[in-house]
C-alpha cells in the first residue's frame, strides 16, 4: 500500500498493482536519462509540462524500480494501463507530486524559495 509521505504511488499496470517511488537512485537514473545536471534542472523539466511518451516511460520505469520491482524500461513499456494514455499521465503526475511536493490551494510550491545571490 502506498505511503504518500514517503513518495509512494499505487498503480495498476498490466493487471497487477505496483507501488512506484522515486528513490534517490531512481532520481539519479532520471537525471542521466534526461541529461539533467542536478535535481533542480530535473524538476524544472518536469514543471515545463512538456513530457513525451519516452519521458513517461522513463519516469514510470524508474518509479517501478524505486518501488522494488525488478523491471526494465522495455518490460515496463509492455505494461498496459486500463485507461491507456490518461492513466500513464495520471501515474506520472501523481508520482512527481508525491516526490517533489504538491502545490497548496493558491498554487504555491511547498518548498521554500531559494536564497538569492547577493
Protein backbone atom coordinates (compact mmCIF):
# COMPACT_ATOMS: atom_id res chain seq x y z
CA UNK A 1 0.00 0.00 0.00
CA UNK A 2 1.30 3.43 -0.94
CA UNK A 3 2.70 5.73 1.73
CA UNK A 4 2.28 9.22 0.24
CA UNK A 5 4.63 10.78 2.82
CA UNK A 6 7.38 8.52 1.52
CA UNK A 7 6.54 9.46 -2.07
CA UNK A 8 4.70 6.24 -2.92
CA UNK A 9 2.03 5.99 -5.60
CA UNK A 10 -0.04 2.88 -6.29
CA UNK A 11 -0.83 1.99 -9.89
CA UNK A 12 -2.32 -0.93 -11.74
CA UNK A 13 -0.25 -1.82 -14.78
CA UNK A 14 -0.60 -5.00 -16.77
CA UNK A 15 -3.38 -6.09 -14.43
CA UNK A 16 -1.05 -6.03 -11.40
CA UNK A 17 -0.86 -3.50 -8.54
CA UNK A 18 2.52 -1.83 -8.15
CA UNK A 19 3.87 0.75 -5.74
CA UNK A 20 6.04 3.31 -7.52
CA UNK A 21 8.57 5.52 -5.70
CA UNK A 22 11.23 7.89 -6.97
CA UNK A 23 14.09 6.98 -4.63
CA UNK A 24 17.40 8.80 -4.74
CA UNK A 25 18.67 6.10 -7.10
CA UNK A 26 15.62 6.48 -9.33
CA UNK A 27 16.11 10.26 -9.42
CA UNK A 28 19.77 9.80 -10.35
CA UNK A 29 18.63 7.45 -13.12
CA UNK A 30 16.22 10.13 -14.39
CA UNK A 31 18.92 12.83 -14.26
CA UNK A 32 21.00 10.62 -16.53
CA UNK A 33 18.10 9.76 -18.85
CA UNK A 34 17.11 13.43 -19.26
CA UNK A 35 20.63 14.84 -19.31
CA UNK A 36 19.89 16.95 -16.24
CA UNK A 37 22.86 18.26 -14.28
CA UNK A 38 21.05 18.25 -10.93
CA UNK A 39 17.68 17.80 -9.24
CA UNK A 40 16.69 21.43 -9.79
CA UNK A 41 17.19 21.06 -13.54
CA UNK A 42 15.25 17.80 -13.47
CA UNK A 43 12.36 19.41 -11.55
CA UNK A 44 12.31 22.36 -13.97
CA UNK A 45 12.00 19.96 -16.88
CA UNK A 46 9.04 18.28 -15.22
CA UNK A 47 7.42 21.63 -14.38
CA UNK A 48 7.51 22.59 -18.06
CA UNK A 49 4.63 20.18 -18.60
CA UNK A 50 6.18 19.02 -21.88
CA UNK A 51 6.73 15.30 -21.47
CA UNK A 52 6.75 12.80 -24.31
CA UNK A 53 5.86 9.12 -24.29
CA UNK A 54 9.53 8.18 -23.79
CA UNK A 55 9.68 10.57 -20.82
CA UNK A 56 6.60 8.93 -19.26
CA UNK A 57 8.21 5.53 -19.79
CA UNK A 58 11.48 6.58 -18.10
CA UNK A 59 9.61 8.04 -15.11
CA UNK A 60 7.29 5.05 -14.71
CA UNK A 61 10.17 2.58 -15.15
CA UNK A 62 12.32 4.41 -12.58
CA UNK A 63 9.33 4.60 -10.22
CA UNK A 64 8.66 0.88 -10.56
CA UNK A 65 12.29 0.06 -9.80
CA UNK A 66 12.31 2.54 -6.91
CA UNK A 67 9.25 0.76 -5.55
CA UNK A 68 11.06 -2.57 -5.65
CA UNK A 69 10.02 -4.10 -8.98
CA UNK A 70 12.79 -5.80 -10.93
CA UNK A 71 11.78 -4.50 -14.33
CA UNK A 72 13.46 -2.82 -17.28
CA UNK A 73 12.06 0.13 -19.21
CA UNK A 74 11.45 -2.28 -22.12
CA UNK A 75 9.37 -4.53 -19.86
CA UNK A 76 7.57 -1.53 -18.33
CA UNK A 77 6.69 -0.35 -21.85
CA UNK A 78 4.60 -3.50 -22.29
CA UNK A 79 2.53 -3.00 -19.12
CA UNK A 80 -0.93 -1.90 -20.22
CA UNK A 81 -2.92 0.66 -18.25
CA UNK A 82 -6.71 0.25 -18.14
CA UNK A 83 -7.41 3.74 -19.49
CA UNK A 84 -4.36 3.99 -21.72
CA UNK A 85 -2.52 7.28 -22.03
CA UNK A 86 -4.65 9.09 -19.46
CA UNK A 87 -3.64 6.52 -16.81
CA UNK A 88 0.06 6.84 -17.67
CA UNK A 89 -0.16 10.64 -17.42
CA UNK A 90 -2.03 10.43 -14.10
CA UNK A 91 0.52 7.97 -12.67
CA UNK A 92 3.42 10.24 -13.64
CA UNK A 93 1.67 13.37 -12.34
CA UNK A 94 0.89 11.67 -9.02
CA UNK A 95 4.44 10.32 -8.74
CA UNK A 96 6.06 13.69 -9.43
CA UNK A 97 3.69 15.44 -6.99
CA UNK A 98 4.43 12.85 -4.29
CA UNK A 99 8.18 13.24 -4.86
CA UNK A 100 8.61 16.97 -5.37
CA UNK A 101 5.64 18.21 -3.34
CA UNK A 102 2.17 19.32 -4.26
CA UNK A 103 1.14 22.96 -4.61
CA UNK A 104 -1.14 24.41 -1.96
CA UNK A 105 -4.60 25.87 -2.66
CA UNK A 106 -3.02 29.05 -4.10
CA UNK A 107 -0.77 27.03 -6.42
CA UNK A 108 2.38 27.75 -4.40
CA UNK A 109 5.03 25.07 -4.06
CA UNK A 110 5.57 23.69 -0.54
CA UNK A 111 9.31 24.12 -0.98
CA UNK A 112 10.85 27.31 0.40
CA UNK A 113 12.23 29.80 -2.11
CA UNK A 114 15.90 29.55 -2.96
CA UNK A 115 18.20 32.18 -1.46
CA UNK A 116 19.08 34.95 -3.87
CA UNK A 117 22.66 35.74 -4.82
CA UNK A 118 23.87 38.92 -3.16
